[in-house]
Protein backbone atom coordinates (compact mmCIF):
# COMPACT_ATOMS: atom_id res chain seq x y z
CA MET A 1 -6.87 2.58 16.83
CA SER A 2 -4.27 -0.02 15.90
CA ILE A 3 -3.58 -1.83 12.73
CA ALA A 4 -2.39 -5.42 12.11
CA TYR A 5 -1.17 -6.60 8.93
CA CYS A 6 -0.63 -10.08 7.68
CA HIS A 7 1.41 -11.37 4.83
CA GLU A 8 0.25 -14.67 3.48
CA VAL A 9 2.84 -16.92 2.00
CA PRO A 10 2.25 -18.63 -1.32
CA ASP A 11 0.85 -22.05 -1.51
CA GLN A 12 2.53 -24.97 -3.19
CA SER A 13 1.22 -24.00 -6.54
CA GLY A 14 3.17 -20.87 -6.86
CA ASP A 15 2.88 -17.16 -5.84
CA ASN A 16 -0.46 -16.24 -7.41
CA ASN A 17 -1.92 -16.21 -3.80
CA LEU A 18 0.65 -13.87 -2.42
CA HIS A 19 -0.80 -10.75 -0.99
CA VAL A 20 -0.48 -8.23 1.81
CA ILE A 21 -3.39 -7.09 3.96
CA VAL A 22 -3.42 -4.12 6.21
CA ARG A 23 -6.36 -4.67 8.66
CA CYS A 24 -7.59 -2.59 11.62
CA GLN A 25 -7.55 -4.42 14.90
CA ASP A 26 -10.34 -2.30 16.36
CA ASP A 27 -12.56 -2.63 13.23
CA PRO A 28 -11.53 -5.84 11.19
CA ALA A 29 -14.00 -4.90 8.61
CA VAL A 30 -11.57 -2.11 7.49
CA SER A 31 -8.74 -3.35 5.37
CA ILE A 32 -6.56 -2.72 2.30
CA ARG A 33 -5.39 -5.76 0.48
CA LEU A 34 -2.76 -5.79 -2.41
CA HIS A 35 -2.96 -8.89 -4.45
CA ASP A 36 -2.75 -10.47 -8.02
CA ARG A 37 0.76 -9.06 -8.85
CA SER A 38 2.24 -9.46 -12.28
CA PHE A 39 5.23 -8.23 -14.14
CA PRO A 40 4.58 -6.78 -17.64
CA ASP A 41 8.24 -6.57 -18.34
CA GLU A 42 11.56 -6.16 -16.60
CA TYR A 43 10.86 -2.51 -15.76
CA GLY A 44 7.44 -2.76 -14.18
CA SER A 45 5.01 -4.47 -11.74
CA CYS A 46 1.26 -4.38 -11.69
CA PHE A 47 -1.07 -5.29 -8.85
CA ALA A 48 -4.64 -4.99 -7.69
CA VAL A 49 -5.59 -3.16 -4.60
CA GLU A 50 -8.91 -3.71 -2.77
CA ALA A 51 -10.38 -1.41 -0.11
CA ARG A 52 -13.03 -2.81 2.31
CA ALA A 53 -14.94 -1.27 5.18
CA GLN A 54 -18.65 -1.47 6.31
CA GLY A 55 -20.68 -0.44 3.27
CA LEU A 56 -17.68 -0.16 1.05
CA HIS A 57 -15.84 -2.51 -1.31
CA ALA A 58 -13.71 -0.86 -4.01
CA GLU A 59 -11.11 -2.50 -6.11
CA LEU A 60 -8.56 -1.51 -8.78
CA PRO A 61 -7.18 -4.19 -10.86
CA GLY A 62 -4.24 -2.45 -12.63
CA VAL A 63 -2.07 -0.39 -10.38
CA GLU A 64 1.27 -0.03 -12.19
CA SER A 65 4.73 0.77 -10.81
CA TRP A 66 7.81 1.35 -13.08
CA VAL A 67 11.45 1.78 -12.33
CA TRP A 68 11.41 5.25 -13.65
CA ASP A 69 8.72 6.46 -11.24
CA GLU A 70 9.77 8.86 -8.56
CA ALA A 71 9.42 6.27 -5.77
CA TRP A 72 8.74 2.53 -5.20
CA LEU A 73 6.07 1.67 -2.50
CA PRO A 74 8.22 -0.37 -0.40
CA ASP A 75 10.97 2.34 -0.29
CA PHE A 76 8.29 4.97 0.54
CA ILE A 77 7.12 2.85 3.62
CA SER A 78 10.63 2.10 4.57
CA GLN A 79 11.49 5.80 4.58
CA LEU A 80 8.39 6.27 6.87
CA ALA A 81 9.74 3.57 9.02
CA ALA A 82 13.18 5.10 9.37
CA ASP A 83 11.55 8.43 10.37
CA TYR A 84 9.87 6.67 13.34
CA ARG A 85 10.50 9.79 15.52
CA GLY A 86 8.10 11.83 13.33
CA TRP A 87 7.98 14.37 10.62
CA VAL A 88 5.97 17.46 9.77
CA ASP A 89 3.41 17.70 6.94
CA GLU A 90 2.05 14.99 4.69
CA ARG A 91 4.18 12.58 2.67
CA THR A 92 2.73 11.12 -0.56
CA TRP A 93 3.32 8.13 -2.82
CA HIS A 94 1.51 7.91 -6.05
CA ALA A 95 0.91 5.33 -8.91
CA ASN A 96 -1.30 5.61 -11.75
CA HIS A 97 -4.63 5.09 -9.76
CA LEU A 98 -3.48 4.68 -6.24
CA THR A 99 -2.27 7.40 -3.72
CA VAL A 100 -0.85 6.67 -0.34
CA ARG A 101 -0.80 9.71 2.02
CA ALA A 102 1.17 9.42 5.31
CA THR A 103 0.94 11.78 8.29
CA PHE A 104 2.71 11.39 11.65
CA HIS A 105 0.61 11.68 14.82
CA SER A 106 1.32 11.92 18.53
CA GLY A 107 2.20 8.64 20.36
CA GLY A 108 4.25 7.51 17.34
CA HIS A 109 1.42 6.67 15.08
CA VAL A 110 1.23 6.85 11.30
CA ALA A 111 -1.93 7.37 9.44
CA LEU A 112 -1.80 5.87 6.01
CA THR A 113 -4.69 7.07 3.86
CA TRP A 114 -5.05 4.74 0.74
CA GLN A 115 -7.01 6.54 -2.08
CA LEU A 116 -8.28 4.49 -5.08
CA GLN A 117 -9.33 6.43 -8.15
CA PRO A 118 -9.82 4.46 -11.35
CA TRP A 119 -10.34 7.36 -13.77
CA VAL A 120 -8.50 10.72 -13.41
CA SER A 121 -10.09 12.79 -16.13
CA ARG A 122 -13.71 11.48 -16.26
CA SER A 123 -16.49 13.57 -14.82
CA ASP A 124 -18.32 10.52 -13.47
CA ALA A 125 -15.17 9.14 -11.70
CA TRP A 126 -15.38 7.73 -8.29
CA GLN A 127 -12.88 7.68 -5.44
CA ALA A 128 -12.60 5.65 -2.34
CA SER A 129 -10.28 6.12 0.58
CA ILE A 130 -9.48 4.23 3.76
CA THR A 131 -7.20 5.45 6.59
CA THR A 132 -5.25 2.79 8.49
CA TRP A 133 -3.06 3.52 11.61
CA LEU A 134 0.31 1.80 12.30
CA GLU A 135 3.08 2.25 14.83
CA GLY A 136 5.75 4.54 13.39
CA GLY A 137 8.60 2.05 13.84
CA GLU A 138 8.16 -1.80 14.06
CA GLN A 139 4.86 -2.09 12.29
CA MET A 140 5.97 0.18 9.41
CA SER A 141 9.27 -1.73 9.14
CA THR A 142 7.35 -5.00 8.93
CA LEU A 143 4.93 -3.80 6.31
CA ALA A 144 7.76 -2.46 4.24
CA ALA A 145 9.50 -5.83 4.29
CA ASP A 146 6.18 -7.57 3.36
CA LEU A 147 5.70 -5.05 0.46
CA ARG A 148 9.23 -5.75 -0.68
CA GLU A 149 8.55 -9.39 -0.92
CA PHE A 150 5.22 -8.72 -2.65
CA LEU A 151 6.67 -6.06 -5.06
CA PRO A 152 10.27 -6.89 -5.73
CA ASN A 153 12.07 -4.02 -7.44
CA PRO A 154 11.21 -4.71 -11.12
CA GLY A 155 14.50 -4.00 -12.69
CA PRO A 156 17.77 -1.84 -12.65
CA THR A 157 17.22 1.09 -10.35
CA LYS A 158 17.66 4.69 -11.47
């Protein structure tokens, strides 16, 4: 299975339409879309994430990332791209309601599992996850660059 992602540039009216899509080439119905970014202050960014597959449509409107968080999503993806020869075990990036898990597989492919969970402590909480596959080098590097444009580092780094 291979993944294509597209990065759509903003229209003339501003950058509200800027988004990043990770879509499966073998099954175009499977996709992750990051969109509706905002910046609550100089230390944070907020965005929505949408997961789609046949029979599944899940969306989280308020994923937050702050400069004091352990990692920034574009840096996490960049590190995966830099380790294109592979790694052992699972690597994880986490924000308040979104978790991205990465595992390296034979043939130089990376499985990214995007898990959406709107409530952590409620007994009636739902979870949805989609796994996308990318090449460990070039595709991961391009995705990292697209994410860097979509989610600029929101302030002074640690």
